[in-house]
Amino acid sequence: MPAMRLQWRCGYKLQHGQKIVEGPHSTLPEDEFFDAVETGLEKIEEDMQMRFKLRLQSQISQTLVNVPHEAVAEGEEAREEFGTGAEAKSHPLWPEIDRVCKEQLHYAREGVGQDGNGWQIFADEGEIKMYKREEEVNGMVMDPLKAYHTVKGVTAREMCHYFFMPEFRNDWETTLEDCTILEKISADTLLFLQTHKRIWPASQRDAQFWSHMRKITDGLEPGTCDMWVVCNNSTDYAKQESKNGKCVRIFLTVILACQTLLPDNYVKGQPLSRDDLTCKVTYCSVVNPGGWAPASALRAVYKREYPKFLKRFTGYVIDQCKDKPIMF
């Protein structure tokens, strides 16, 4: 059915001789714009699931050397400085990185019911709860989003590790076409140019942003074993043009804040199993998608895609960690 819908739309475009493009004067009605984007996302997700199944079958059919989980924390990530920003402090971007990370951490720790600040719940699926505030800037939807999730069997560092490290991003970021490290500022701070697949009829998009992974040691909630965050923020530093010269640039601010909780009766020094681990996840984002798209269509896409993204990503981390030693 999705393929038929897409073919119909392509037929519509050819039959009427119209060049359907993104913009306020687009000839495509808003409901059809949403349907077309939804169809494109479904196709991308189907392709990703097929690739994952093929890769899994290939792994099962081969004898693989199992690398201990401690290996991911060797080298640069094992240094005491990792997660402190110590090695990035001499970089020109550091004042901005440090300021934005602190602001976003404060924002992540704020509740959604305080002072009547306009948060509306738009997804409530088991442990996942997602909120939004409807905001538009110059007619463009820029709704702040905040999500809460509780995940069993992984630590805060493991969750942030798989979110931060670029080598894993293709496994859980369905729309990713290309991810380039423009500069390695330090082991815990990277500058990226990330290109996303085009989803017709929207224009192709990319984002240039720094990403910083940090261990939080102050203001921990009672019962919290440790806390890690990853903060991403758009930047024009060393501005890089899009790879094909045609992308619309996304501007984003994102924080993934994770806390590890242990059982109330846990005694320090006792051995731990994954059954003892609970990870509290807070995900906040403000995204300016650039260009133009119908507000109702964008909000419909967000409502559909954000819960799927959070379930897909956290499920991926659980699957990656389940048979490996615990990493704090």
C-alpha atoms as a PDB file:
ATOM      1  CA  MET A   1       0.000   0.000   0.000  1.00  0.00           C
ATOM      2  CA  PRO A   2       2.727   2.599   0.842  1.00  0.00           C
ATOM      3  CA  ALA A   3       4.447   1.901  -2.475  1.00  0.00           C
ATOM      4  CA  MET A   4       1.157   2.359  -4.345  1.00  0.00           C
ATOM      5  CA  ARG A   5       0.574   5.686  -2.602  1.00  0.00           C
ATOM      6  CA  LEU A   6       4.039   6.876  -3.567  1.00  0.00           C
ATOM      7  CA  GLN A   7       3.566   5.758  -7.165  1.00  0.00           C
ATOM      8  CA  TRP A   8       0.242   7.594  -7.284  1.00  0.00           C
ATOM      9  CA  ARG A   9       1.884  10.789  -6.114  1.00  0.00           C
ATOM     10  CA  CYS A  10       4.679  10.489  -8.639  1.00  0.00           C
ATOM     11  CA  GLY A  11       2.009   9.890 -11.276  1.00  0.00           C
ATOM     12  CA  TYR A  12       0.168  12.982 -10.083  1.00  0.00           C
ATOM     13  CA  LYS A  13       3.305  15.024 -10.517  1.00  0.00           C
ATOM     14  CA  LEU A  14       3.992  13.775 -14.030  1.00  0.00           C
ATOM     15  CA  GLN A  15       0.381  13.858 -15.192  1.00  0.00           C
ATOM     16  CA  HIS A  16      -0.132  17.478 -14.285  1.00  0.00           C
ATOM     17  CA  GLY A  17       3.314  18.603 -15.341  1.00  0.00           C
ATOM     18  CA  GLN A  18       3.849  20.353 -12.028  1.00  0.00           C
ATOM     19  CA  LYS A  19       7.129  20.491 -10.181  1.00  0.00           C
ATOM     20  CA  ILE A  20       6.058  19.778  -6.626  1.00  0.00           C
ATOM     21  CA  VAL A  21       8.648  21.364  -4.365  1.00  0.00           C
ATOM     22  CA  GLU A  22       8.826  22.374  -0.742  1.00  0.00           C
ATOM     23  CA  GLY A  23       7.714  25.918  -0.041  1.00  0.00           C
ATOM     24  CA  PRO A  24       4.778  28.128   0.926  1.00  0.00           C
ATOM     25  CA  HIS A  25       3.514  28.046  -2.690  1.00  0.00           C
ATOM     26  CA  SER A  26       3.676  24.269  -3.019  1.00  0.00           C
ATOM     27  CA  THR A  27       0.773  22.838  -5.013  1.00  0.00           C
ATOM     28  CA  LEU A  28       0.605  19.766  -2.760  1.00  0.00           C
ATOM     29  CA  PRO A  29      -2.163  19.976  -0.094  1.00  0.00           C
ATOM     30  CA  GLU A  30      -1.037  19.649   3.515  1.00  0.00           C
ATOM     31  CA  ASP A  31      -2.665  16.252   4.058  1.00  0.00           C
ATOM     32  CA  GLU A  32      -0.973  14.865   0.943  1.00  0.00           C
ATOM     33  CA  PHE A  33       2.332  16.411   2.022  1.00  0.00           C
ATOM     34  CA  PHE A  34       2.085  14.532   5.326  1.00  0.00           C
ATOM     35  CA  ASP A  35       1.032  11.291   3.608  1.00  0.00           C
ATOM     36  CA  ALA A  36       3.971  11.521   1.207  1.00  0.00           C
ATOM     37  CA  VAL A  37       6.488  12.147   4.004  1.00  0.00           C
ATOM     38  CA  GLU A  38       4.950   9.343   6.067  1.00  0.00           C
ATOM     39  CA  THR A  39       5.273   6.980   3.098  1.00  0.00           C
ATOM     40  CA  GLY A  40       8.927   7.959   2.629  1.00  0.00           C
ATOM     41  CA  LEU A  41       9.695   7.358   6.301  1.00  0.00           C
ATOM     42  CA  GLU A  42       7.961   3.977   6.219  1.00  0.00           C
ATOM     43  CA  LYS A  43      10.049   2.935   3.209  1.00  0.00           C
ATOM     44  CA  ILE A  44      13.287   4.034   4.902  1.00  0.00           C
ATOM     45  CA  GLU A  45      12.346   2.111   8.056  1.00  0.00           C
ATOM     46  CA  GLU A  46      11.525  -1.026   6.048  1.00  0.00           C
ATOM     47  CA  ASP A  47      14.880  -0.822   4.287  1.00  0.00           C
ATOM     48  CA  MET A  48      16.698  -0.363   7.593  1.00  0.00           C
ATOM     49  CA  GLN A  49      14.959  -3.361   9.170  1.00  0.00           C
ATOM     50  CA  MET A  50      15.895  -5.496   6.167  1.00  0.00           C
ATOM     51  CA  ARG A  51      19.554  -4.414   6.388  1.00  0.00           C
ATOM     52  CA  PHE A  52      19.586  -5.195  10.099  1.00  0.00           C
ATOM     53  CA  LYS A  53      18.138  -8.685   9.528  1.00  0.00           C
ATOM     54  CA  LEU A  54      20.684  -9.411   6.797  1.00  0.00           C
ATOM     55  CA  ARG A  55      23.551  -8.244   9.001  1.00  0.00           C
ATOM     56  CA  LEU A  56      22.271 -10.341  11.903  1.00  0.00           C
ATOM     57  CA  GLN A  57      22.011 -13.423   9.676  1.00  0.00           C
ATOM     58  CA  SER A  58      25.563 -12.819   8.453  1.00  0.00           C
ATOM     59  CA  GLN A  59      26.849 -12.566  12.019  1.00  0.00           C
ATOM     60  CA  ILE A  60      25.074 -15.757  13.066  1.00  0.00           C
ATOM     61  CA  SER A  61      26.477 -17.669  10.114  1.00  0.00           C
ATOM     62  CA  GLN A  62      30.059 -16.700  10.909  1.00  0.00           C
ATOM     63  CA  THR A  63      32.309 -17.504  13.838  1.00  0.00           C
ATOM     64  CA  LEU A  64      33.010 -14.122  15.381  1.00  0.00           C
ATOM     65  CA  VAL A  65      35.458 -13.112  18.059  1.00  0.00           C
ATOM     66  CA  ASN A  66      33.479 -11.588  20.913  1.00  0.00           C
ATOM     67  CA  VAL A  67      35.222  -8.387  22.024  1.00  0.00           C
ATOM     68  CA  PRO A  68      34.749  -7.782  25.769  1.00  0.00           C
ATOM     69  CA  HIS A  69      32.604  -4.759  26.554  1.00  0.00           C
ATOM     70  CA  GLU A  70      35.423  -3.179  28.541  1.00  0.00           C
ATOM     71  CA  ALA A  71      37.168  -2.647  25.193  1.00  0.00           C
ATOM     72  CA  VAL A  72      34.901   0.303  24.353  1.00  0.00           C
ATOM     73  CA  ALA A  73      36.223   2.113  27.401  1.00  0.00           C
ATOM     74  CA  GLU A  74      39.872   1.563  26.577  1.00  0.00           C
ATOM     75  CA  GLY A  75      42.134   4.153  24.998  1.00  0.00           C
ATOM     76  CA  GLU A  76      40.844   7.704  24.931  1.00  0.00           C
ATOM     77  CA  GLU A  77      37.448   6.922  26.434  1.00  0.00           C
ATOM     78  CA  ALA A  78      39.105   5.237  29.422  1.00  0.00           C
ATOM     79  CA  ARG A  79      41.078   8.339  30.421  1.00  0.00           C
ATOM     80  CA  GLU A  80      40.013  10.097  33.592  1.00  0.00           C
ATOM     81  CA  GLU A  81      39.617  13.278  31.536  1.00  0.00           C
ATOM     82  CA  PHE A  82      36.928  11.720  29.331  1.00  0.00           C
ATOM     83  CA  GLY A  83      33.592  13.315  30.080  1.00  0.00           C
ATOM     84  CA  THR A  84      35.109  16.357  31.808  1.00  0.00           C
ATOM     85  CA  GLY A  85      35.864  18.473  28.745  1.00  0.00           C
ATOM     86  CA  ALA A  86      39.383  19.017  30.085  1.00  0.00           C
ATOM     87  CA  GLU A  87      41.004  18.404  26.704  1.00  0.00           C
ATOM     88  CA  ALA A  88      38.546  20.692  24.873  1.00  0.00           C
ATOM     89  CA  LYS A  89      38.956  23.760  27.080  1.00  0.00           C
ATOM     90  CA  SER A  90      41.574  25.382  24.859  1.00  0.00           C
ATOM     91  CA  HIS A  91      39.328  25.208  21.781  1.00  0.00           C
ATOM     92  CA  PRO A  92      37.563  28.414  20.585  1.00  0.00           C
ATOM     93  CA  LEU A  93      34.175  26.664  20.835  1.00  0.00           C
ATOM     94  CA  TRP A  94      34.613  25.619  24.466  1.00  0.00           C
ATOM     95  CA  PRO A  95      32.914  28.641  26.131  1.00  0.00           C
ATOM     96  CA  GLU A  96      29.826  28.007  23.988  1.00  0.00           C
ATOM     97  CA  ILE A  97      29.927  24.230  24.555  1.00  0.00           C
ATOM     98  CA  ASP A  98      30.225  24.606  28.318  1.00  0.00           C
ATOM     99  CA  ARG A  99      27.483  27.264  28.506  1.00  0.00           C
ATOM    100  CA  VAL A 100      24.990  25.389  26.303  1.00  0.00           C
ATOM    101  CA  CYS A 101      25.593  22.088  28.123  1.00  0.00           C
ATOM    102  CA  LYS A 102      24.897  23.710  31.499  1.00  0.00           C
ATOM    103  CA  GLU A 103      21.789  25.467  30.155  1.00  0.00           C
ATOM    104  CA  GLN A 104      20.452  22.263  28.607  1.00  0.00           C
ATOM    105  CA  LEU A 105      21.131  20.232  31.748  1.00  0.00           C
ATOM    106  CA  HIS A 106      19.146  22.780  33.760  1.00  0.00           C
ATOM    107  CA  TYR A 107      16.389  22.599  31.146  1.00  0.00           C
ATOM    108  CA  ALA A 108      16.353  18.783  31.245  1.00  0.00           C
ATOM    109  CA  ARG A 109      16.042  18.801  35.028  1.00  0.00           C
ATOM    110  CA  GLU A 110      13.038  21.129  34.986  1.00  0.00           C
ATOM    111  CA  GLY A 111       9.644  19.490  35.235  1.00  0.00           C
ATOM    112  CA  VAL A 112       6.830  19.898  32.727  1.00  0.00           C
ATOM    113  CA  GLY A 113       4.100  20.944  35.148  1.00  0.00           C
ATOM    114  CA  GLN A 114       5.741  23.955  36.726  1.00  0.00           C
ATOM    115  CA  ASP A 115       4.330  27.487  36.478  1.00  0.00           C
ATOM    116  CA  GLY A 116       1.795  26.590  33.794  1.00  0.00           C
ATOM    117  CA  ASN A 117       4.544  26.782  31.189  1.00  0.00           C
ATOM    118  CA  GLY A 118       2.534  25.347  28.311  1.00  0.00           C
ATOM    119  CA  TRP A 119       3.757  21.743  28.129  1.00  0.00           C
ATOM    120  CA  GLN A 120       1.238  19.382  26.524  1.00  0.00           C
ATOM    121  CA  ILE A 121       1.576  15.609  26.569  1.00  0.00           C
ATOM    122  CA  PHE A 122       1.371  14.158  23.052  1.00  0.00           C
ATOM    123  CA  ALA A 123       2.544  10.576  23.557  1.00  0.00           C
ATOM    124  CA  ASP A 124       2.023   8.251  26.514  1.00  0.00           C
ATOM    125  CA  GLU A 125       3.197   4.730  25.733  1.00  0.00           C
ATOM    126  CA  GLY A 126       4.107   2.681  28.787  1.00  0.00           C
ATOM    127  CA  GLU A 127       7.350   4.065  30.225  1.00  0.00           C
ATOM    128  CA  ILE A 128       7.589   6.722  27.484  1.00  0.00           C
ATOM    129  CA  LYS A 129       5.973  10.102  28.028  1.00  0.00           C
ATOM    130  CA  MET A 130       6.506  12.930  25.534  1.00  0.00           C
ATOM    131  CA  TYR A 131       5.610  16.594  25.863  1.00  0.00           C
ATOM    132  CA  LYS A 132       5.684  19.591  23.540  1.00  0.00           C
ATOM    133  CA  ARG A 133       5.167  23.336  23.610  1.00  0.00           C
ATOM    134  CA  GLU A 134       3.753  24.707  20.385  1.00  0.00           C
ATOM    135  CA  GLU A 135       5.976  27.528  19.156  1.00  0.00           C
ATOM    136  CA  GLU A 136       6.495  29.062  15.737  1.00  0.00           C
ATOM    137  CA  VAL A 137       9.210  31.477  14.599  1.00  0.00           C
ATOM    138  CA  ASN A 138       8.534  33.352  11.361  1.00  0.00           C
ATOM    139  CA  GLY A 139       5.890  30.791  10.502  1.00  0.00           C
ATOM    140  CA  MET A 140       8.211  27.801  11.045  1.00  0.00           C
ATOM    141  CA  VAL A 141       7.329  25.155  13.637  1.00  0.00           C
ATOM    142  CA  MET A 142       9.978  25.049  16.373  1.00  0.00           C
ATOM    143  CA  ASP A 143       8.148  23.168  19.112  1.00  0.00           C
ATOM    144  CA  PRO A 144      10.391  22.313  22.084  1.00  0.00           C
ATOM    145  CA  LEU A 145      10.050  18.601  22.863  1.00  0.00           C
ATOM    146  CA  LYS A 146      10.766  16.796  26.119  1.00  0.00           C
ATOM    147  CA  ALA A 147      10.584  13.039  26.628  1.00  0.00           C
ATOM    148  CA  TYR A 148      10.952  10.771  29.641  1.00  0.00           C
ATOM    149  CA  HIS A 149      11.710   7.067  29.517  1.00  0.00           C
ATOM    150  CA  THR A 150      12.815   4.379  31.974  1.00  0.00           C
ATOM    151  CA  VAL A 151      14.940   1.533  30.627  1.00  0.00           C
ATOM    152  CA  LYS A 152      16.024  -1.644  32.394  1.00  0.00           C
ATOM    153  CA  GLY A 153      19.370  -3.408  32.013  1.00  0.00           C
ATOM    154  CA  VAL A 154      21.711  -0.603  30.912  1.00  0.00           C
ATOM    155  CA  THR A 155      23.709   2.222  32.502  1.00  0.00           C
ATOM    156  CA  ALA A 156      23.659   5.946  31.821  1.00  0.00           C
ATOM    157  CA  ARG A 157      27.120   5.747  30.293  1.00  0.00           C
ATOM    158  CA  GLU A 158      26.151   2.928  27.949  1.00  0.00           C
ATOM    159  CA  MET A 159      23.101   4.868  26.757  1.00  0.00           C
ATOM    160  CA  CYS A 160      25.150   8.013  26.130  1.00  0.00           C
ATOM    161  CA  HIS A 161      28.037   6.048  24.594  1.00  0.00           C
ATOM    162  CA  TYR A 162      25.852   4.671  21.803  1.00  0.00           C
ATOM    163  CA  PHE A 163      24.201   8.058  21.248  1.00  0.00           C
ATOM    164  CA  PHE A 164      27.516   9.923  21.031  1.00  0.00           C
ATOM    165  CA  MET A 165      29.817   7.577  19.111  1.00  0.00           C
ATOM    166  CA  PRO A 166      29.433   8.070  15.331  1.00  0.00           C
ATOM    167  CA  GLU A 167      30.264   4.468  14.422  1.00  0.00           C
ATOM    168  CA  PHE A 168      26.905   3.328  15.844  1.00  0.00           C
ATOM    169  CA  ARG A 169      24.693   6.077  14.439  1.00  0.00           C
ATOM    170  CA  ASN A 170      23.753   4.314  11.227  1.00  0.00           C
ATOM    171  CA  ASP A 171      22.351   1.451  13.285  1.00  0.00           C
ATOM    172  CA  TRP A 172      19.612   3.516  14.946  1.00  0.00           C
ATOM    173  CA  GLU A 173      19.288   6.784  12.971  1.00  0.00           C
ATOM    174  CA  THR A 174      16.967   5.688  10.162  1.00  0.00           C
ATOM    175  CA  THR A 175      17.172   8.836   8.001  1.00  0.00           C
ATOM    176  CA  LEU A 176      20.962   9.210   8.151  1.00  0.00           C
ATOM    177  CA  GLU A 177      22.705   9.232   4.768  1.00  0.00           C
ATOM    178  CA  ASP A 178      26.178  10.380   5.746  1.00  0.00           C
ATOM    179  CA  CYS A 179      27.974  11.451   8.923  1.00  0.00           C
ATOM    180  CA  THR A 180      31.324  13.226   8.652  1.00  0.00           C
ATOM    181  CA  ILE A 181      33.570  14.231  11.546  1.00  0.00           C
ATOM    182  CA  LEU A 182      34.750  17.699  10.567  1.00  0.00           C
ATOM    183  CA  GLU A 183      36.985  18.057  13.612  1.00  0.00           C
ATOM    184  CA  LYS A 184      37.894  15.927  16.599  1.00  0.00           C
ATOM    185  CA  ILE A 185      38.073  18.625  19.251  1.00  0.00           C
ATOM    186  CA  SER A 186      38.772  15.989  21.915  1.00  0.00           C
ATOM    187  CA  ALA A 187      37.763  12.414  22.678  1.00  0.00           C
ATOM    188  CA  ASP A 188      34.497  13.623  24.253  1.00  0.00           C
ATOM    189  CA  THR A 189      33.791  16.512  21.849  1.00  0.00           C
ATOM    190  CA  LEU A 190      33.303  16.218  18.075  1.00  0.00           C
ATOM    191  CA  LEU A 191      32.217  18.504  15.237  1.00  0.00           C
ATOM    192  CA  PHE A 192      29.891  16.837  12.720  1.00  0.00           C
ATOM    193  CA  LEU A 193      28.330  17.416   9.326  1.00  0.00           C
ATOM    194  CA  GLN A 194      25.364  15.073   9.120  1.00  0.00           C
ATOM    195  CA  THR A 195      23.370  14.595   5.908  1.00  0.00           C
ATOM    196  CA  HIS A 196      19.909  13.056   5.939  1.00  0.00           C
ATOM    197  CA  LYS A 197      18.143  11.159   3.188  1.00  0.00           C
ATOM    198  CA  ARG A 198      15.710  13.135   1.104  1.00  0.00           C
ATOM    199  CA  ILE A 199      12.072  12.337   1.856  1.00  0.00           C
ATOM    200  CA  TRP A 200       9.900  13.500  -1.023  1.00  0.00           C
ATOM    201  CA  PRO A 201       8.382  16.087  -1.355  1.00  0.00           C
ATOM    202  CA  ALA A 202      10.535  17.790   1.298  1.00  0.00           C
ATOM    203  CA  SER A 203      14.005  19.016   0.369  1.00  0.00           C
ATOM    204  CA  GLN A 204      17.058  17.104   1.553  1.00  0.00           C
ATOM    205  CA  ARG A 205      18.487  18.366   4.823  1.00  0.00           C
ATOM    206  CA  ASP A 206      21.767  18.419   6.713  1.00  0.00           C
ATOM    207  CA  ALA A 207      23.082  19.714  10.023  1.00  0.00           C
ATOM    208  CA  GLN A 208      26.434  20.984  11.241  1.00  0.00           C
ATOM    209  CA  PHE A 209      26.783  20.650  14.999  1.00  0.00           C
ATOM    210  CA  TRP A 210      29.156  19.948  17.834  1.00  0.00           C
ATOM    211  CA  SER A 211      28.492  17.021  20.164  1.00  0.00           C
ATOM    212  CA  HIS A 212      29.826  16.749  23.704  1.00  0.00           C
ATOM    213  CA  MET A 213      29.564  13.835  26.161  1.00  0.00           C
ATOM    214  CA  ARG A 214      29.897  14.749  29.824  1.00  0.00           C
ATOM    215  CA  LYS A 215      29.769  13.070  33.231  1.00  0.00           C
ATOM    216  CA  ILE A 216      27.645  15.004  35.726  1.00  0.00           C
ATOM    217  CA  THR A 217      28.796  14.932  39.335  1.00  0.00           C
ATOM    218  CA  ASP A 218      26.737  17.691  40.969  1.00  0.00           C
ATOM    219  CA  GLY A 219      23.072  17.895  41.895  1.00  0.00           C
ATOM    220  CA  LEU A 220      22.423  14.162  41.537  1.00  0.00           C
ATOM    221  CA  GLU A 221      19.011  12.926  42.629  1.00  0.00           C
ATOM    222  CA  PRO A 222      18.836  10.628  45.681  1.00  0.00           C
ATOM    223  CA  GLY A 223      19.525   7.039  44.696  1.00  0.00           C
ATOM    224  CA  THR A 224      21.411   8.002  41.536  1.00  0.00           C
ATOM    225  CA  CYS A 225      24.599   6.018  40.956  1.00  0.00           C
ATOM    226  CA  ASP A 226      25.908   8.209  38.138  1.00  0.00           C
ATOM    227  CA  MET A 227      24.738  10.600  35.431  1.00  0.00           C
ATOM    228  CA  TRP A 228      25.940  11.211  31.877  1.00  0.00           C
ATOM    229  CA  VAL A 229      24.697  13.558  29.179  1.00  0.00           C
ATOM    230  CA  VAL A 230      25.252  14.124  25.468  1.00  0.00           C
ATOM    231  CA  CYS A 231      24.565  17.617  24.170  1.00  0.00           C
ATOM    232  CA  ASN A 232      24.365  18.502  20.458  1.00  0.00           C
ATOM    233  CA  ASN A 233      24.132  22.075  19.204  1.00  0.00           C
ATOM    234  CA  SER A 234      24.288  23.659  15.761  1.00  0.00           C
ATOM    235  CA  THR A 235      27.233  25.891  14.992  1.00  0.00           C
ATOM    236  CA  ASP A 236      28.577  28.007  12.145  1.00  0.00           C
ATOM    237  CA  TYR A 237      32.146  27.435  13.333  1.00  0.00           C
ATOM    238  CA  ALA A 238      34.273  26.449  10.319  1.00  0.00           C
ATOM    239  CA  LYS A 239      31.072  26.534   8.305  1.00  0.00           C
ATOM    240  CA  GLN A 240      30.860  23.641   5.892  1.00  0.00           C
ATOM    241  CA  GLU A 241      28.671  23.694   2.801  1.00  0.00           C
ATOM    242  CA  SER A 242      26.349  20.764   2.172  1.00  0.00           C
ATOM    243  CA  LYS A 243      27.917  17.879   0.318  1.00  0.00           C
ATOM    244  CA  ASN A 244      25.707  18.191  -2.756  1.00  0.00           C
ATOM    245  CA  GLY A 245      25.127  21.948  -2.527  1.00  0.00           C
ATOM    246  CA  LYS A 246      21.355  21.449  -2.348  1.00  0.00           C
ATOM    247  CA  CYS A 247      20.571  20.657   1.274  1.00  0.00           C
ATOM    248  CA  VAL A 248      18.465  22.823   3.550  1.00  0.00           C
ATOM    249  CA  ARG A 249      20.308  23.271   6.833  1.00  0.00           C
ATOM    250  CA  ILE A 250      18.704  22.136  10.081  1.00  0.00           C
ATOM    251  CA  PHE A 251      19.444  24.054  13.284  1.00  0.00           C
ATOM    252  CA  LEU A 252      19.153  22.022  16.459  1.00  0.00           C
ATOM    253  CA  THR A 253      19.773  21.878  20.173  1.00  0.00           C
ATOM    254  CA  VAL A 254      19.474  18.434  21.776  1.00  0.00           C
ATOM    255  CA  ILE A 255      20.336  16.897  25.121  1.00  0.00           C
ATOM    256  CA  LEU A 256      20.165  13.250  26.168  1.00  0.00           C
ATOM    257  CA  ALA A 257      20.453  13.097  29.967  1.00  0.00           C
ATOM    258  CA  CYS A 258      20.709   9.661  31.599  1.00  0.00           C
ATOM    259  CA  GLN A 259      20.891   8.498  35.216  1.00  0.00           C
ATOM    260  CA  THR A 260      21.788   5.031  36.509  1.00  0.00           C
ATOM    261  CA  LEU A 261      19.705   3.816  39.434  1.00  0.00           C
ATOM    262  CA  LEU A 262      20.550   0.778  41.582  1.00  0.00           C
ATOM    263  CA  PRO A 263      18.230  -1.202  43.911  1.00  0.00           C
ATOM    264  CA  ASP A 264      17.521   0.429  47.278  1.00  0.00           C
ATOM    265  CA  ASN A 265      19.054  -2.529  49.079  1.00  0.00           C
ATOM    266  CA  TYR A 266      22.263  -2.548  47.019  1.00  0.00           C
ATOM    267  CA  VAL A 267      25.441  -2.556  49.116  1.00  0.00           C
ATOM    268  CA  LYS A 268      28.444  -0.889  47.512  1.00  0.00           C
ATOM    269  CA  GLY A 269      31.002  -3.420  46.339  1.00  0.00           C
ATOM    270  CA  GLN A 270      28.507  -6.195  45.727  1.00  0.00           C
ATOM    271  CA  PRO A 271      28.546  -7.735  42.226  1.00  0.00           C
ATOM    272  CA  LEU A 272      25.907  -6.350  39.880  1.00  0.00           C
ATOM    273  CA  SER A 273      23.893  -7.972  37.138  1.00  0.00           C
ATOM    274  CA  ARG A 274      21.964  -6.224  34.401  1.00  0.00           C
ATOM    275  CA  ASP A 275      18.762  -7.041  36.277  1.00  0.00           C
ATOM    276  CA  ASP A 276      19.944  -4.567  38.931  1.00  0.00           C
ATOM    277  CA  LEU A 277      20.228  -1.637  36.490  1.00  0.00           C
ATOM    278  CA  THR A 278      17.636   1.028  35.735  1.00  0.00           C
ATOM    279  CA  CYS A 279      18.374   3.979  33.450  1.00  0.00           C
ATOM    280  CA  LYS A 280      16.231   7.111  33.625  1.00  0.00           C
ATOM    281  CA  VAL A 281      16.318   8.916  30.290  1.00  0.00           C
ATOM    282  CA  THR A 282      15.374  12.528  29.577  1.00  0.00           C
ATOM    283  CA  TYR A 283      15.528  13.699  25.967  1.00  0.00           C
ATOM    284  CA  CYS A 284      14.991  17.353  25.037  1.00  0.00           C
ATOM    285  CA  SER A 285      15.184  18.950  21.614  1.00  0.00           C
ATOM    286  CA  VAL A 286      14.444  22.154  19.758  1.00  0.00           C
ATOM    287  CA  VAL A 287      14.774  21.778  15.996  1.00  0.00           C
ATOM    288  CA  ASN A 288      14.415  24.409  13.292  1.00  0.00           C
ATOM    289  CA  PRO A 289      13.979  22.246  10.179  1.00  0.00           C
ATOM    290  CA  GLY A 290      14.829  25.151   7.887  1.00  0.00           C
ATOM    291  CA  GLY A 291      13.126  25.776   4.575  1.00  0.00           C
ATOM    292  CA  TRP A 292       9.370  25.469   4.722  1.00  0.00           C
ATOM    293  CA  ALA A 293       6.870  22.747   5.490  1.00  0.00           C
ATOM    294  CA  PRO A 294       3.196  22.852   6.561  1.00  0.00           C
ATOM    295  CA  ALA A 295       2.889  23.273  10.326  1.00  0.00           C
ATOM    296  CA  SER A 296       0.165  20.646  10.666  1.00  0.00           C
ATOM    297  CA  ALA A 297       2.184  18.128   8.639  1.00  0.00           C
ATOM    298  CA  LEU A 298       5.348  18.721  10.680  1.00  0.00           C
ATOM    299  CA  ARG A 299       3.508  18.261  13.969  1.00  0.00           C
ATOM    300  CA  ALA A 300       1.881  15.098  12.687  1.00  0.00           C
ATOM    301  CA  VAL A 301       5.297  13.732  11.678  1.00  0.00           C
ATOM    302  CA  TYR A 302       6.773  14.628  15.087  1.00  0.00           C
ATOM    303  CA  LYS A 303       3.889  12.905  16.890  1.00  0.00           C
ATOM    304  CA  ARG A 304       4.453   9.767  14.842  1.00  0.00           C
ATOM    305  CA  GLU A 305       8.247   9.669  14.710  1.00  0.00           C
ATOM    306  CA  TYR A 306       9.564  10.819  18.093  1.00  0.00           C
ATOM    307  CA  PRO A 307       8.131   7.918  20.156  1.00  0.00           C
ATOM    308  CA  LYS A 308       9.345   5.465  17.501  1.00  0.00           C
ATOM    309  CA  PHE A 309      12.812   7.014  17.593  1.00  0.00           C
ATOM    310  CA  LEU A 310      13.116   6.773  21.377  1.00  0.00           C
ATOM    311  CA  LYS A 311      11.871   3.168  21.459  1.00  0.00           C
ATOM    312  CA  ARG A 312      14.159   2.210  18.580  1.00  0.00           C
ATOM    313  CA  PHE A 313      17.259   3.823  20.081  1.00  0.00           C
ATOM    314  CA  THR A 314      16.812   2.536  23.643  1.00  0.00           C
ATOM    315  CA  GLY A 315      15.930  -0.928  22.314  1.00  0.00           C
ATOM    316  CA  TYR A 316      19.101  -0.870  20.232  1.00  0.00           C
ATOM    317  CA  VAL A 317      21.237  -0.042  23.292  1.00  0.00           C
ATOM    318  CA  ILE A 318      19.607  -2.815  25.346  1.00  0.00           C
ATOM    319  CA  ASP A 319      20.283  -5.283  22.543  1.00  0.00           C
ATOM    320  CA  GLN A 320      23.927  -4.188  22.195  1.00  0.00           C
ATOM    321  CA  CYS A 321      24.632  -4.461  25.921  1.00  0.00           C
ATOM    322  CA  LYS A 322      22.629  -7.498  27.063  1.00  0.00           C
ATOM    323  CA  ASP A 323      25.420 -10.084  26.769  1.00  0.00           C
ATOM    324  CA  LYS A 324      28.321  -7.797  27.653  1.00  0.00           C
ATOM    325  CA  PRO A 325      29.913  -6.735  30.933  1.00  0.00           C
ATOM    326  CA  ILE A 326      28.485  -3.581  32.493  1.00  0.00           C
ATOM    327  CA  MET A 327      30.185  -0.284  31.645  1.00  0.00           C
ATOM    328  CA  PHE A 328      30.029   2.615  34.105  1.00  0.00           C
END
